[in-house]
PDB file of N, CA and C in Angstrom:
ATOM      1  N   MET A   1    -116.180  58.765 -59.712  1.00  0.00           N
ATOM      2  CA  MET A   1    -117.372  58.633 -58.899  1.00  0.00           C
ATOM      3  C   MET A   1    -117.684  59.957 -58.215  1.00  0.00           C
ATOM      4  N   LEU A   2    -118.893  60.055 -57.814  1.00  0.00           N
ATOM      5  CA  LEU A   2    -119.359  61.261 -57.146  1.00  0.00           C
ATOM      6  C   LEU A   2    -118.665  61.467 -55.806  1.00  0.00           C
ATOM      7  N   SER A   3    -118.426  60.386 -55.064  1.00  0.00           N
ATOM      8  CA  SER A   3    -117.786  60.519 -53.750  1.00  0.00           C
ATOM      9  C   SER A   3    -116.351  61.032 -53.873  1.00  0.00           C
ATOM     10  N   GLU A   4    -115.652  60.655 -54.947  1.00  0.00           N
ATOM     11  CA  GLU A   4    -114.296  61.152 -55.167  1.00  0.00           C
ATOM     12  C   GLU A   4    -114.304  62.645 -55.472  1.00  0.00           C
ATOM     13  N   GLN A   5    -115.279  63.088 -56.253  1.00  0.00           N
ATOM     14  CA  GLN A   5    -115.393  64.508 -56.576  1.00  0.00           C
ATOM     15  C   GLN A   5    -115.714  65.318 -55.316  1.00  0.00           C
ATOM     16  N   ILE A   6    -116.562  64.771 -54.475  1.00  0.00           N
ATOM     17  CA  ILE A   6    -116.907  65.450 -53.227  1.00  0.00           C
ATOM     18  C   ILE A   6    -115.684  65.557 -52.334  1.00  0.00           C
ATOM     19  N   ALA A   7    -114.912  64.490 -52.245  1.00  0.00           N
ATOM     20  CA  ALA A   7    -113.694  64.510 -51.428  1.00  0.00           C
ATOM     21  C   ALA A   7    -112.704  65.550 -51.953  1.00  0.00           C
ATOM     22  N   GLU A   8    -112.562  65.659 -53.271  1.00  0.00           N
ATOM     23  CA  GLU A   8    -111.672  66.660 -53.867  1.00  0.00           C
ATOM     24  C   GLU A   8    -112.147  68.075 -53.554  1.00  0.00           C
ATOM     25  N   LEU A   9    -113.450  68.298 -53.667  1.00  0.00           N
ATOM     26  CA  LEU A   9    -113.996  69.617 -53.371  1.00  0.00           C
ATOM     27  C   LEU A   9    -113.842  69.975 -51.894  1.00  0.00           C
ATOM     28  N   GLU A  10    -114.023  69.024 -51.002  1.00  0.00           N
ATOM     29  CA  GLU A  10    -113.845  69.276 -49.575  1.00  0.00           C
ATOM     30  C   GLU A  10    -112.394  69.626 -49.261  1.00  0.00           C
ATOM     31  N   LEU A  11    -111.457  68.940 -49.910  1.00  0.00           N
ATOM     32  CA  LEU A  11    -110.035  69.242 -49.715  1.00  0.00           C
ATOM     33  C   LEU A  11    -109.709  70.647 -50.232  1.00  0.00           C
ATOM     34  N   GLU A  12    -110.234  70.986 -51.403  1.00  0.00           N
ATOM     35  CA  GLU A  12    -110.013  72.318 -51.960  1.00  0.00           C
ATOM     36  C   GLU A  12    -110.618  73.386 -51.044  1.00  0.00           C
ATOM     37  N   ASN A  13    -111.804  73.125 -50.510  1.00  0.00           N
ATOM     38  CA  ASN A  13    -112.457  74.066 -49.601  1.00  0.00           C
ATOM     39  C   ASN A  13    -111.621  74.283 -48.344  1.00  0.00           C
ATOM     40  N   LYS A  14    -111.067  73.214 -47.800  1.00  0.00           N
ATOM     41  CA  LYS A  14    -110.226  73.316 -46.611  1.00  0.00           C
ATOM     42  C   LYS A  14    -108.976  74.147 -46.894  1.00  0.00           C
ATOM     43  N   GLU A  15    -108.346  73.920 -48.040  1.00  0.00           N
ATOM     44  CA  GLU A  15    -107.152  74.676 -48.419  1.00  0.00           C
ATOM     45  C   GLU A  15    -107.475  76.160 -48.605  1.00  0.00           C
ATOM     46  N   LEU A  16    -108.607  76.458 -49.221  1.00  0.00           N
ATOM     47  CA  LEU A  16    -109.004  77.848 -49.427  1.00  0.00           C
ATOM     48  C   LEU A  16    -109.303  78.552 -48.105  1.00  0.00           C
ATOM     49  N   LYS A  17    -109.912  77.844 -47.155  1.00  0.00           N
ATOM     50  CA  LYS A  17    -110.168  78.422 -45.837  1.00  0.00           C
ATOM     51  C   LYS A  17    -108.866  78.764 -45.124  1.00  0.00           C
ATOM     52  N   GLU A  18    -107.878  77.893 -45.238  1.00  0.00           N
ATOM     53  CA  GLU A  18    -106.574  78.153 -44.619  1.00  0.00           C
ATOM     54  C   GLU A  18    -105.904  79.371 -45.244  1.00  0.00           C
ATOM     55  N   LYS A  19    -105.966  79.484 -46.577  1.00  0.00           N
ATOM     56  CA  LYS A  19    -105.384  80.644 -47.260  1.00  0.00           C
ATOM     57  C   LYS A  19    -106.091  81.928 -46.847  1.00  0.00           C
ATOM     58  N   LEU A  20    -107.411  81.881 -46.749  1.00  0.00           N
ATOM     59  CA  LEU A  20    -108.175  83.053 -46.333  1.00  0.00           C
ATOM     60  C   LEU A  20    -107.822  83.459 -44.908  1.00  0.00           C
ATOM     61  N   LYS A  21    -107.636  82.489 -44.032  1.00  0.00           N
ATOM     62  CA  LYS A  21    -107.257  82.773 -42.654  1.00  0.00           C
ATOM     63  C   LYS A  21    -105.891  83.452 -42.606  1.00  0.00           C
ATOM     64  N   GLN A  22    -104.947  82.991 -43.427  1.00  0.00           N
ATOM     65  CA  GLN A  22    -103.615  83.588 -43.470  1.00  0.00           C
ATOM     66  C   GLN A  22    -103.667  85.026 -43.982  1.00  0.00           C
ATOM     67  N   VAL A  23    -104.502  85.277 -44.981  1.00  0.00           N
ATOM     68  CA  VAL A  23    -104.620  86.618 -45.541  1.00  0.00           C
ATOM     69  C   VAL A  23    -105.218  87.574 -44.509  1.00  0.00           C
ATOM     70  N   ASN A  24    -106.202  87.117 -43.749  1.00  0.00           N
ATOM     71  CA  ASN A  24    -106.902  87.985 -42.804  1.00  0.00           C
ATOM     72  C   ASN A  24    -106.177  88.147 -41.475  1.00  0.00           C
ATOM     73  N   GLU A  25    -105.113  87.402 -41.215  1.00  0.00           N
ATOM     74  CA  GLU A  25    -104.419  87.474 -39.934  1.00  0.00           C
ATOM     75  C   GLU A  25    -103.833  88.857 -39.662  1.00  0.00           C
ATOM     76  N   GLY A  26    -103.252  89.492 -40.647  1.00  0.00           N
ATOM     77  CA  GLY A  26    -102.573  90.757 -40.440  1.00  0.00           C
ATOM     78  C   GLY A  26    -103.489  91.974 -40.422  1.00  0.00           C
ATOM     79  N   ILE A  27    -104.764  91.796 -40.708  1.00  0.00           N
ATOM     80  CA  ILE A  27    -105.682  92.920 -40.781  1.00  0.00           C
ATOM     81  C   ILE A  27    -106.296  93.164 -39.405  1.00  0.00           C
ATOM     82  N   PRO A  28    -106.074  94.356 -38.821  1.00  0.00           N
ATOM     83  CA  PRO A  28    -106.683  94.635 -37.512  1.00  0.00           C
ATOM     84  C   PRO A  28    -108.195  94.758 -37.632  1.00  0.00           C
ATOM     85  N   LYS A  29    -108.909  94.162 -36.705  1.00  0.00           N
ATOM     86  CA  LYS A  29    -110.363  94.191 -36.690  1.00  0.00           C
ATOM     87  C   LYS A  29    -110.849  95.227 -35.679  1.00  0.00           C
ATOM     88  N   PRO A  30    -111.975  95.896 -35.971  1.00  0.00           N
ATOM     89  CA  PRO A  30    -112.520  96.825 -34.975  1.00  0.00           C
ATOM     90  C   PRO A  30    -112.979  96.045 -33.756  1.00  0.00           C
ATOM     91  N   LYS A  31    -112.677  96.562 -32.578  1.00  0.00           N
ATOM     92  CA  LYS A  31    -113.014  95.850 -31.347  1.00  0.00           C
ATOM     93  C   LYS A  31    -114.120  96.582 -30.597  1.00  0.00           C
ATOM     94  N   LYS A  32    -115.232  96.784 -31.259  1.00  0.00           N
ATOM     95  CA  LYS A  32    -116.385  97.399 -30.623  1.00  0.00           C
ATOM     96  C   LYS A  32    -117.091  96.334 -29.788  1.00  0.00           C
ATOM     97  N   CYS A  33    -117.703  96.769 -28.712  1.00  0.00           N
ATOM     98  CA  CYS A  33    -118.393  95.826 -27.832  1.00  0.00           C
ATOM     99  C   CYS A  33    -119.450  95.018 -28.586  1.00  0.00           C
ATOM    100  N   GLU A  34    -120.122  95.631 -29.562  1.00  0.00           N
ATOM    101  CA  GLU A  34    -121.166  94.933 -30.313  1.00  0.00           C
ATOM    102  C   GLU A  34    -120.632  93.738 -31.088  1.00  0.00           C
ATOM    103  N   LYS A  35    -119.328  93.712 -31.354  1.00  0.00           N
ATOM    104  CA  LYS A  35    -118.715  92.619 -32.108  1.00  0.00           C
ATOM    105  C   LYS A  35    -118.106  91.553 -31.202  1.00  0.00           C
ATOM    106  N   CYS A  36    -118.203  91.728 -29.884  1.00  0.00           N
ATOM    107  CA  CYS A  36    -117.592  90.808 -28.920  1.00  0.00           C
ATOM    108  C   CYS A  36    -118.556  89.672 -28.585  1.00  0.00           C
ATOM    109  N   LYS A  37    -118.020  88.491 -28.364  1.00  0.00           N
ATOM    110  CA  LYS A  37    -118.884  87.359 -28.040  1.00  0.00           C
ATOM    111  C   LYS A  37    -119.472  87.448 -26.633  1.00  0.00           C
ATOM    112  N   TYR A  38    -118.963  88.346 -25.809  1.00  0.00           N
ATOM    113  CA  TYR A  38    -119.475  88.515 -24.450  1.00  0.00           C
ATOM    114  C   TYR A  38    -120.541  89.609 -24.351  1.00  0.00           C
ATOM    115  N   TYR A  39    -120.867  90.242 -25.453  1.00  0.00           N
ATOM    116  CA  TYR A  39    -121.841  91.330 -25.462  1.00  0.00           C
ATOM    117  C   TYR A  39    -123.242  90.764 -25.680  1.00  0.00           C
ATOM    118  N   ILE A  40    -124.180  91.166 -24.840  1.00  0.00           N
ATOM    119  CA  ILE A  40    -125.576  90.751 -24.973  1.00  0.00           C
ATOM    120  C   ILE A  40    -126.392  91.965 -25.399  1.00  0.00           C
ATOM    121  N   GLN A  41    -127.019  91.869 -26.563  1.00  0.00           N
ATOM    122  CA  GLN A  41    -127.819  92.957 -27.114  1.00  0.00           C
ATOM    123  C   GLN A  41    -129.163  93.029 -26.388  1.00  0.00           C
ATOM    124  N   HIS A  42    -129.623  94.243 -26.084  1.00  0.00           N
ATOM    125  CA  HIS A  42    -130.946  94.434 -25.497  1.00  0.00           C
ATOM    126  C   HIS A  42    -131.935  94.797 -26.598  1.00  0.00           C
ATOM    127  N   TYR A  43    -133.185  94.372 -26.410  1.00  0.00           N
ATOM    128  CA  TYR A  43    -134.239  94.609 -27.391  1.00  0.00           C
ATOM    129  C   TYR A  43    -135.451  95.223 -26.712  1.00  0.00           C
ATOM    130  N   GLY A  44    -136.265  95.927 -27.484  1.00  0.00           N
ATOM    131  CA  GLY A  44    -137.544  96.448 -27.028  1.00  0.00           C
ATOM    132  C   GLY A  44    -138.642  95.753 -27.807  1.00  0.00           C
ATOM    133  N   ARG A  45    -139.879  95.956 -27.372  1.00  0.00           N
ATOM    134  CA  ARG A  45    -141.014  95.355 -28.074  1.00  0.00           C
ATOM    135  C   ARG A  45    -142.089  96.412 -28.251  1.00  0.00           C
ATOM    136  N   ASP A  46    -142.598  96.528 -29.473  1.00  0.00           N
ATOM    137  CA  ASP A  46    -143.633  97.526 -29.711  1.00  0.00           C
ATOM    138  C   ASP A  46    -145.011  96.964 -29.350  1.00  0.00           C
ATOM    139  N   ILE A  47    -146.051  97.755 -29.564  1.00  0.00           N
ATOM    140  CA  ILE A  47    -147.394  97.340 -29.141  1.00  0.00           C
ATOM    141  C   ILE A  47    -147.928  96.160 -29.955  1.00  0.00           C
ATOM    142  N   ASN A  48    -147.330  95.892 -31.117  1.00  0.00           N
ATOM    143  CA  ASN A  48    -147.742  94.754 -31.940  1.00  0.00           C
ATOM    144  C   ASN A  48    -146.966  93.485 -31.600  1.00  0.00           C
ATOM    145  N   GLY A  49    -146.062  93.578 -30.637  1.00  0.00           N
ATOM    146  CA  GLY A  49    -145.290  92.407 -30.231  1.00  0.00           C
ATOM    147  C   GLY A  49    -144.043  92.160 -31.064  1.00  0.00           C
ATOM    148  N   VAL A  50    -143.646  93.132 -31.895  1.00  0.00           N
ATOM    149  CA  VAL A  50    -142.469  92.990 -32.746  1.00  0.00           C
ATOM    150  C   VAL A  50    -141.244  93.505 -31.980  1.00  0.00           C
ATOM    151  N   TYR A  51    -140.181  92.694 -31.962  1.00  0.00           N
ATOM    152  CA  TYR A  51    -138.954  93.068 -31.258  1.00  0.00           C
ATOM    153  C   TYR A  51    -138.044  93.897 -32.156  1.00  0.00           C
ATOM    154  N   PHE A  52    -137.295  94.836 -31.533  1.00  0.00           N
ATOM    155  CA  PHE A  52    -136.352  95.670 -32.268  1.00  0.00           C
ATOM    156  C   PHE A  52    -135.169  95.987 -31.365  1.00  0.00           C
ATOM    157  N   LYS A  53    -133.998  96.229 -31.989  1.00  0.00           N
ATOM    158  CA  LYS A  53    -132.795  96.581 -31.234  1.00  0.00           C
ATOM    159  C   LYS A  53    -132.961  97.962 -30.630  1.00  0.00           C
ATOM    160  N   ILE A  54    -132.473  98.136 -29.392  1.00  0.00           N
ATOM    161  CA  ILE A  54    -132.482  99.470 -28.799  1.00  0.00           C
ATOM    162  C   ILE A  54    -131.054 100.009 -28.685  1.00  0.00           C
ATOM    163  N   TYR A  55    -130.094  99.317 -29.292  1.00  0.00           N
ATOM    164  CA  TYR A  55    -128.692  99.729 -29.367  1.00  0.00           C
ATOM    165  C   TYR A  55    -128.075  99.978 -27.992  1.00  0.00           C
ATOM    166  N   ILE A  56    -128.470  99.153 -27.054  1.00  0.00           N
ATOM    167  CA  ILE A  56    -127.895  99.124 -25.717  1.00  0.00           C
ATOM    168  C   ILE A  56    -127.715  97.651 -25.388  1.00  0.00           C
ATOM    169  N   GLY A  57    -126.726  97.363 -24.588  1.00  0.00           N
ATOM    170  CA  GLY A  57    -126.512  95.987 -24.180  1.00  0.00           C
ATOM    171  C   GLY A  57    -125.634  95.949 -22.958  1.00  0.00           C
ATOM    172  N   HIS A  58    -125.155  94.753 -22.628  1.00  0.00           N
ATOM    173  CA  HIS A  58    -124.253  94.641 -21.490  1.00  0.00           C
ATOM    174  C   HIS A  58    -123.232  93.540 -21.731  1.00  0.00           C
ATOM    175  N   CYS A  59    -122.152  93.592 -20.955  1.00  0.00           N
ATOM    176  CA  CYS A  59    -121.046  92.647 -21.074  1.00  0.00           C
ATOM    177  C   CYS A  59    -121.205  91.561 -20.013  1.00  0.00           C
ATOM    178  N   VAL A  60    -121.082  90.298 -20.416  1.00  0.00           N
ATOM    179  CA  VAL A  60    -121.174  89.198 -19.457  1.00  0.00           C
ATOM    180  C   VAL A  60    -119.798  88.657 -19.086  1.00  0.00           C
ATOM    181  N   CYS A  61    -118.758  89.376 -19.485  1.00  0.00           N
ATOM    182  CA  CYS A  61    -117.388  88.936 -19.216  1.00  0.00           C
ATOM    183  C   CYS A  61    -117.010  89.113 -17.752  1.00  0.00           C
ATOM    184  N   GLY A  62    -117.583  90.096 -17.091  1.00  0.00           N
ATOM    185  CA  GLY A  62    -117.276  90.332 -15.689  1.00  0.00           C
ATOM    186  C   GLY A  62    -116.215  91.388 -15.452  1.00  0.00           C
ATOM    187  N   VAL A  63    -115.759  92.054 -16.504  1.00  0.00           N
ATOM    188  CA  VAL A  63    -114.766  93.117 -16.353  1.00  0.00           C
ATOM    189  C   VAL A  63    -115.501  94.377 -15.920  1.00  0.00           C
ATOM    190  N   PRO A  64    -115.062  95.046 -14.837  1.00  0.00           N
ATOM    191  CA  PRO A  64    -115.726  96.279 -14.412  1.00  0.00           C
ATOM    192  C   PRO A  64    -115.722  97.331 -15.512  1.00  0.00           C
ATOM    193  N   VAL A  65    -116.745  98.164 -15.536  1.00  0.00           N
ATOM    194  CA  VAL A  65    -116.913  99.160 -16.589  1.00  0.00           C
ATOM    195  C   VAL A  65    -115.705 100.082 -16.687  1.00  0.00           C
ATOM    196  N   LYS A  66    -115.127 100.480 -15.566  1.00  0.00           N
ATOM    197  CA  LYS A  66    -113.985 101.394 -15.596  1.00  0.00           C
ATOM    198  C   LYS A  66    -112.786 100.765 -16.304  1.00  0.00           C
ATOM    199  N   GLN A  67    -112.644  99.444 -16.240  1.00  0.00           N
ATOM    200  CA  GLN A  67    -111.517  98.788 -16.897  1.00  0.00           C
ATOM    201  C   GLN A  67    -111.797  98.500 -18.364  1.00  0.00           C
ATOM    202  N   ARG A  68    -113.056  98.595 -18.797  1.00  0.00           N
ATOM    203  CA  ARG A  68    -113.393  98.331 -20.193  1.00  0.00           C
ATOM    204  C   ARG A  68    -113.069  99.499 -21.099  1.00  0.00           C
ATOM    205  N   LYS A  69    -112.908 100.681 -20.515  1.00  0.00           N
ATOM    206  CA  LYS A  69    -112.632 101.885 -21.306  1.00  0.00           C
ATOM    207  C   LYS A  69    -113.697 102.076 -22.375  1.00  0.00           C
ATOM    208  N   GLY A  70    -114.950 101.839 -22.026  1.00  0.00           N
ATOM    209  CA  GLY A  70    -116.033 101.891 -23.005  1.00  0.00           C
ATOM    210  C   GLY A  70    -116.148 103.235 -23.693  1.00  0.00           C
ATOM    211  N   LYS A  71    -116.030 103.226 -24.994  1.00  0.00           N
ATOM    212  CA  LYS A  71    -116.163 104.424 -25.812  1.00  0.00           C
ATOM    213  C   LYS A  71    -117.064 104.096 -26.988  1.00  0.00           C
ATOM    214  N   LYS A  72    -117.652 105.118 -27.569  1.00  0.00           N
ATOM    215  CA  LYS A  72    -118.509 104.874 -28.724  1.00  0.00           C
ATOM    216  C   LYS A  72    -117.709 104.355 -29.912  1.00  0.00           C
ATOM    217  N   GLU A  73    -116.542 104.912 -30.138  1.00  0.00           N
ATOM    218  CA  GLU A  73    -115.684 104.489 -31.251  1.00  0.00           C
ATOM    219  C   GLU A  73    -114.296 104.162 -30.700  1.00  0.00           C
ATOM    220  N   PRO A  74    -114.111 102.989 -30.092  1.00  0.00           N
ATOM    221  CA  PRO A  74    -112.816 102.674 -29.492  1.00  0.00           C
ATOM    222  C   PRO A  74    -111.741 102.413 -30.546  1.00  0.00           C
ATOM    223  N   THR A  75    -110.509 102.739 -30.182  1.00  0.00           N
ATOM    224  CA  THR A  75    -109.382 102.380 -31.035  1.00  0.00           C
ATOM    225  C   THR A  75    -108.999 100.941 -30.703  1.00  0.00           C
ATOM    226  N   LEU A  76    -108.010 100.401 -31.395  1.00  0.00           N
ATOM    227  CA  LEU A  76    -107.609  99.024 -31.132  1.00  0.00           C
ATOM    228  C   LEU A  76    -107.049  98.852 -29.723  1.00  0.00           C
ATOM    229  N   ASP A  77    -106.534  99.940 -29.116  1.00  0.00           N
ATOM    230  CA  ASP A  77    -105.974  99.865 -27.770  1.00  0.00           C
ATOM    231  C   ASP A  77    -106.999 100.149 -26.673  1.00  0.00           C
ATOM    232  N   ASP A  78    -108.195 100.597 -27.028  1.00  0.00           N
ATOM    233  CA  ASP A  78    -109.179 101.025 -26.047  1.00  0.00           C
ATOM    234  C   ASP A  78    -110.145  99.929 -25.593  1.00  0.00           C
ATOM    235  N   THR A  79    -109.980  98.730 -26.053  1.00  0.00           N
ATOM    236  CA  THR A  79    -110.954  97.700 -25.715  1.00  0.00           C
ATOM    237  C   THR A  79    -110.559  96.948 -24.456  1.00  0.00           C
ATOM    238  N   CYS A  80    -111.512  96.250 -23.890  1.00  0.00           N
ATOM    239  CA  CYS A  80    -111.248  95.543 -22.640  1.00  0.00           C
ATOM    240  C   CYS A  80    -110.374  94.312 -22.889  1.00  0.00           C
ATOM    241  N   SER A  81    -109.836  93.786 -21.817  1.00  0.00           N
ATOM    242  CA  SER A  81    -108.887  92.678 -21.925  1.00  0.00           C
ATOM    243  C   SER A  81    -109.553  91.357 -22.314  1.00  0.00           C
ATOM    244  N   CYS A  82    -110.854  91.243 -22.165  1.00  0.00           N
ATOM    245  CA  CYS A  82    -111.499  89.959 -22.482  1.00  0.00           C
ATOM    246  C   CYS A  82    -112.203  89.973 -23.835  1.00  0.00           C
ATOM    247  N   PHE A  83    -111.914  90.959 -24.688  1.00  0.00           N
ATOM    248  CA  PHE A  83    -112.562  91.019 -26.005  1.00  0.00           C
ATOM    249  C   PHE A  83    -112.210  89.786 -26.830  1.00  0.00           C
ATOM    250  N   GLU A  84    -113.231  89.128 -27.354  1.00  0.00           N
ATOM    251  CA  GLU A  84    -113.062  88.030 -28.309  1.00  0.00           C
ATOM    252  C   GLU A  84    -114.101  88.219 -29.402  1.00  0.00           C
ATOM    253  N   SER A  85    -113.652  88.215 -30.624  1.00  0.00           N
ATOM    254  CA  SER A  85    -114.538  88.420 -31.748  1.00  0.00           C
ATOM    255  C   SER A  85    -115.534  87.277 -31.857  1.00  0.00           C
ATOM    256  N   ARG A  86    -116.757  87.617 -32.262  1.00  0.00           N
ATOM    257  CA  ARG A  86    -117.775  86.586 -32.473  1.00  0.00           C
ATOM    258  C   ARG A  86    -117.400  85.767 -33.690  1.00  0.00           C
ATOM    259  N   LYS A  87    -117.720  84.503 -33.636  1.00  0.00           N
ATOM    260  CA  LYS A  87    -117.494  83.616 -34.772  1.00  0.00           C
ATOM    261  C   LYS A  87    -118.844  83.033 -35.141  1.00  0.00           C
ATOM    262  N   TRP A  88    -119.365  83.467 -36.296  1.00  0.00           N
ATOM    263  CA  TRP A  88    -120.677  83.020 -36.706  1.00  0.00           C
ATOM    264  C   TRP A  88    -120.610  81.666 -37.394  1.00  0.00           C
ATOM    265  N   LEU A  89    -119.712  81.510 -38.312  1.00  0.00           N
ATOM    266  CA  LEU A  89    -119.583  80.242 -39.043  1.00  0.00           C
ATOM    267  C   LEU A  89    -118.116  79.832 -39.087  1.00  0.00           C
ATOM    268  N   GLU A  90    -117.875  78.593 -38.974  1.00  0.00           N
ATOM    269  CA  GLU A  90    -116.495  78.069 -39.075  1.00  0.00           C
ATOM    270  C   GLU A  90    -116.304  77.460 -40.442  1.00  0.00           C
TER     271      GLU A  90
END
């Protein structure tokens, strides 16, 4: 039946997601502010009403700027203590 095939595919999908998570665990991710879930991107608007990124934003985490060690290209040790990667899809 179709429902049995769907159940099998869902189980296979779940297993593949777990394997992918295990593979990606050991890989260090860049911890730029733009990739943090606490970062709010700022936008501008042109005369036609079209919005565009202005590549500036702010942190809503509440960590003072001096403790964030904000750099253009931070190393893995240079990021603030409240960095959490954005999760777009689960």
